[in-house]
Amino acid sequence: MQRGVARIVGKVKLTTHAANRFYEYWEEERKITMREIKRIVARAINREMRLGIFIDRTGAMHIKIKPDLYAAICFCDDGYLVITFHRNEKNIDINKMREKEAKSGKVSC
């Protein structure tokens, strides 16, 4: 595991709702532990940090976990709080939002 990811895993927290949604959407046969969910999310956060995390007007960042699975994450005092997982039913295009933000001159995290 990468050093950056290992640091982030300990800071990822899941709500009960988020864990339930993850299990609802996870399509693989193998049962995933809470620690593995945190590791999957930490890798995605680490990847998005390199690209520039976009935070929407609600204060959440929507990070792609798999092609059809996203995590809605908020910053909390000591890390990251996964609020829920969703299938991007509203067709959120993070790259388009990044481009729009860059053109407007706003600074992303």
C-alpha atoms as a PDB file:
ATOM      1  CA  MET A   1       0.000   0.000   0.000  1.00  0.00           C
ATOM      2  CA  GLN A   2       1.263   3.460  -0.807  1.00  0.00           C
ATOM      3  CA  ARG A   3       2.391   5.666   2.055  1.00  0.00           C
ATOM      4  CA  GLY A   4      -0.141   8.408   1.284  1.00  0.00           C
ATOM      5  CA  VAL A   5      -2.980   5.903   1.151  1.00  0.00           C
ATOM      6  CA  ALA A   6      -1.948   4.332   4.462  1.00  0.00           C
ATOM      7  CA  ARG A   7      -2.113   7.763   6.104  1.00  0.00           C
ATOM      8  CA  ILE A   8      -5.534   8.467   4.645  1.00  0.00           C
ATOM      9  CA  VAL A   9      -7.088   5.072   5.555  1.00  0.00           C
ATOM     10  CA  GLY A  10      -6.919   5.909   9.259  1.00  0.00           C
ATOM     11  CA  LYS A  11      -8.694   9.201   8.630  1.00  0.00           C
ATOM     12  CA  VAL A  12     -11.629   7.766   6.646  1.00  0.00           C
ATOM     13  CA  LYS A  13     -14.814   7.310   8.625  1.00  0.00           C
ATOM     14  CA  LEU A  14     -18.016   5.692   7.366  1.00  0.00           C
ATOM     15  CA  THR A  15     -21.554   6.452   8.429  1.00  0.00           C
ATOM     16  CA  THR A  16     -23.831   3.462   8.932  1.00  0.00           C
ATOM     17  CA  HIS A  17     -25.860   4.688   5.963  1.00  0.00           C
ATOM     18  CA  ALA A  18     -22.734   4.778   3.770  1.00  0.00           C
ATOM     19  CA  ALA A  19     -21.770   1.226   4.736  1.00  0.00           C
ATOM     20  CA  ASN A  20     -25.289  -0.009   3.972  1.00  0.00           C
ATOM     21  CA  ARG A  21     -25.281   1.744   0.588  1.00  0.00           C
ATOM     22  CA  PHE A  22     -21.861   0.307  -0.259  1.00  0.00           C
ATOM     23  CA  TYR A  23     -23.060  -3.242   0.407  1.00  0.00           C
ATOM     24  CA  GLU A  24     -26.232  -2.538  -1.579  1.00  0.00           C
ATOM     25  CA  TYR A  25     -24.265  -1.371  -4.638  1.00  0.00           C
ATOM     26  CA  TRP A  26     -21.248  -3.707  -4.410  1.00  0.00           C
ATOM     27  CA  GLU A  27     -21.770  -6.371  -7.061  1.00  0.00           C
ATOM     28  CA  GLU A  28     -18.881  -8.717  -6.402  1.00  0.00           C
ATOM     29  CA  GLU A  29     -19.397 -12.035  -4.638  1.00  0.00           C
ATOM     30  CA  ARG A  30     -16.690 -11.526  -2.036  1.00  0.00           C
ATOM     31  CA  LYS A  31     -17.720  -9.856   1.213  1.00  0.00           C
ATOM     32  CA  ILE A  32     -15.830  -6.612   1.806  1.00  0.00           C
ATOM     33  CA  THR A  33     -14.834  -5.608   5.341  1.00  0.00           C
ATOM     34  CA  MET A  34     -15.173  -2.072   6.698  1.00  0.00           C
ATOM     35  CA  ARG A  35     -11.384  -1.732   6.631  1.00  0.00           C
ATOM     36  CA  GLU A  36     -11.329  -2.673   2.939  1.00  0.00           C
ATOM     37  CA  ILE A  37     -14.064  -0.123   2.170  1.00  0.00           C
ATOM     38  CA  LYS A  38     -11.949   2.536   3.895  1.00  0.00           C
ATOM     39  CA  ARG A  39      -8.901   1.446   1.865  1.00  0.00           C
ATOM     40  CA  ILE A  40     -10.876   1.645  -1.409  1.00  0.00           C
ATOM     41  CA  VAL A  41     -12.091   5.148  -0.486  1.00  0.00           C
ATOM     42  CA  ALA A  42      -8.608   6.237   0.651  1.00  0.00           C
ATOM     43  CA  ARG A  43      -7.109   5.206  -2.697  1.00  0.00           C
ATOM     44  CA  ALA A  44      -9.790   7.194  -4.511  1.00  0.00           C
ATOM     45  CA  ILE A  45      -9.198  10.266  -2.302  1.00  0.00           C
ATOM     46  CA  ASN A  46      -5.448  10.005  -2.896  1.00  0.00           C
ATOM     47  CA  ARG A  47      -6.012   9.812  -6.669  1.00  0.00           C
ATOM     48  CA  GLU A  48      -8.392  12.788  -6.639  1.00  0.00           C
ATOM     49  CA  MET A  49      -6.007  14.895  -4.532  1.00  0.00           C
ATOM     50  CA  ARG A  50      -3.472  14.718  -7.338  1.00  0.00           C
ATOM     51  CA  LEU A  51      -6.091  15.949  -9.819  1.00  0.00           C
ATOM     52  CA  GLY A  52      -7.575  18.582  -7.541  1.00  0.00           C
ATOM     53  CA  ILE A  53     -10.608  17.814  -5.445  1.00  0.00           C
ATOM     54  CA  PHE A  54     -13.787  19.611  -6.454  1.00  0.00           C
ATOM     55  CA  ILE A  55     -16.133  20.482  -3.594  1.00  0.00           C
ATOM     56  CA  ASP A  56     -19.752  21.137  -4.546  1.00  0.00           C
ATOM     57  CA  ARG A  57     -22.055  23.772  -3.049  1.00  0.00           C
ATOM     58  CA  THR A  58     -23.151  21.363  -0.295  1.00  0.00           C
ATOM     59  CA  GLY A  59     -19.555  21.008   0.920  1.00  0.00           C
ATOM     60  CA  ALA A  60     -19.230  17.435  -0.331  1.00  0.00           C
ATOM     61  CA  MET A  61     -16.822  15.945  -2.816  1.00  0.00           C
ATOM     62  CA  HIS A  62     -18.075  13.181  -5.096  1.00  0.00           C
ATOM     63  CA  ILE A  63     -15.278  10.751  -5.812  1.00  0.00           C
ATOM     64  CA  LYS A  64     -15.436   7.912  -8.327  1.00  0.00           C
ATOM     65  CA  ILE A  65     -14.811   4.557  -6.660  1.00  0.00           C
ATOM     66  CA  LYS A  66     -15.694   2.374  -9.661  1.00  0.00           C
ATOM     67  CA  PRO A  67     -17.104   3.324 -13.068  1.00  0.00           C
ATOM     68  CA  ASP A  68     -20.650   3.169 -11.689  1.00  0.00           C
ATOM     69  CA  LEU A  69     -20.063   3.923  -8.002  1.00  0.00           C
ATOM     70  CA  TYR A  70     -19.286   7.253  -6.330  1.00  0.00           C
ATOM     71  CA  ALA A  71     -18.699   8.251  -2.708  1.00  0.00           C
ATOM     72  CA  ALA A  72     -20.048  11.517  -1.287  1.00  0.00           C
ATOM     73  CA  ILE A  73     -17.438  12.647   1.223  1.00  0.00           C
ATOM     74  CA  CYS A  74     -17.229  15.624   3.577  1.00  0.00           C
ATOM     75  CA  PHE A  75     -14.268  16.877   5.527  1.00  0.00           C
ATOM     76  CA  CYS A  76     -14.552  16.364   9.274  1.00  0.00           C
ATOM     77  CA  ASP A  77     -12.319  17.603  12.095  1.00  0.00           C
ATOM     78  CA  ASP A  78      -9.834  14.774  11.893  1.00  0.00           C
ATOM     79  CA  GLY A  79     -10.270  13.321   8.422  1.00  0.00           C
ATOM     80  CA  TYR A  80     -12.913  12.380   5.887  1.00  0.00           C
ATOM     81  CA  LEU A  81     -16.502  11.320   6.524  1.00  0.00           C
ATOM     82  CA  VAL A  82     -18.163   9.173   3.867  1.00  0.00           C
ATOM     83  CA  ILE A  83     -21.810  10.251   3.923  1.00  0.00           C
ATOM     84  CA  THR A  84     -23.109   7.871   1.265  1.00  0.00           C
ATOM     85  CA  PHE A  85     -22.337   5.970  -1.899  1.00  0.00           C
ATOM     86  CA  HIS A  86     -24.347   6.632  -5.050  1.00  0.00           C
ATOM     87  CA  ARG A  87     -24.559   5.636  -8.695  1.00  0.00           C
ATOM     88  CA  ASN A  88     -24.370   9.198 -10.036  1.00  0.00           C
ATOM     89  CA  GLU A  89     -28.027   9.289 -11.009  1.00  0.00           C
ATOM     90  CA  LYS A  90     -27.760  13.067 -11.447  1.00  0.00           C
ATOM     91  CA  ASN A  91     -24.882  12.686 -13.971  1.00  0.00           C
ATOM     92  CA  ILE A  92     -22.359  14.761 -12.057  1.00  0.00           C
ATOM     93  CA  ASP A  93     -19.387  15.425 -14.356  1.00  0.00           C
ATOM     94  CA  ILE A  94     -16.454  16.215 -12.069  1.00  0.00           C
ATOM     95  CA  ASN A  95     -14.059  17.009 -14.930  1.00  0.00           C
ATOM     96  CA  LYS A  96     -16.516  19.495 -16.412  1.00  0.00           C
ATOM     97  CA  MET A  97     -16.895  21.139 -12.984  1.00  0.00           C
ATOM     98  CA  ARG A  98     -13.098  21.366 -12.638  1.00  0.00           C
ATOM     99  CA  GLU A  99     -12.816  23.058 -16.033  1.00  0.00           C
ATOM    100  CA  LYS A 100     -15.586  25.504 -15.174  1.00  0.00           C
ATOM    101  CA  GLU A 101     -13.888  26.298 -11.863  1.00  0.00           C
ATOM    102  CA  ALA A 102     -10.521  26.829 -13.567  1.00  0.00           C
ATOM    103  CA  LYS A 103     -12.060  29.253 -16.074  1.00  0.00           C
ATOM    104  CA  SER A 104     -13.729  31.252 -13.290  1.00  0.00           C
ATOM    105  CA  GLY A 105     -10.425  31.551 -11.386  1.00  0.00           C
ATOM    106  CA  LYS A 106     -11.636  29.833  -8.220  1.00  0.00           C
ATOM    107  CA  VAL A 107      -9.197  27.716  -6.260  1.00  0.00           C
ATOM    108  CA  SER A 108      -9.999  24.055  -5.559  1.00  0.00           C
ATOM    109  CA  CYS A 109      -8.603  21.963  -2.724  1.00  0.00           C
END
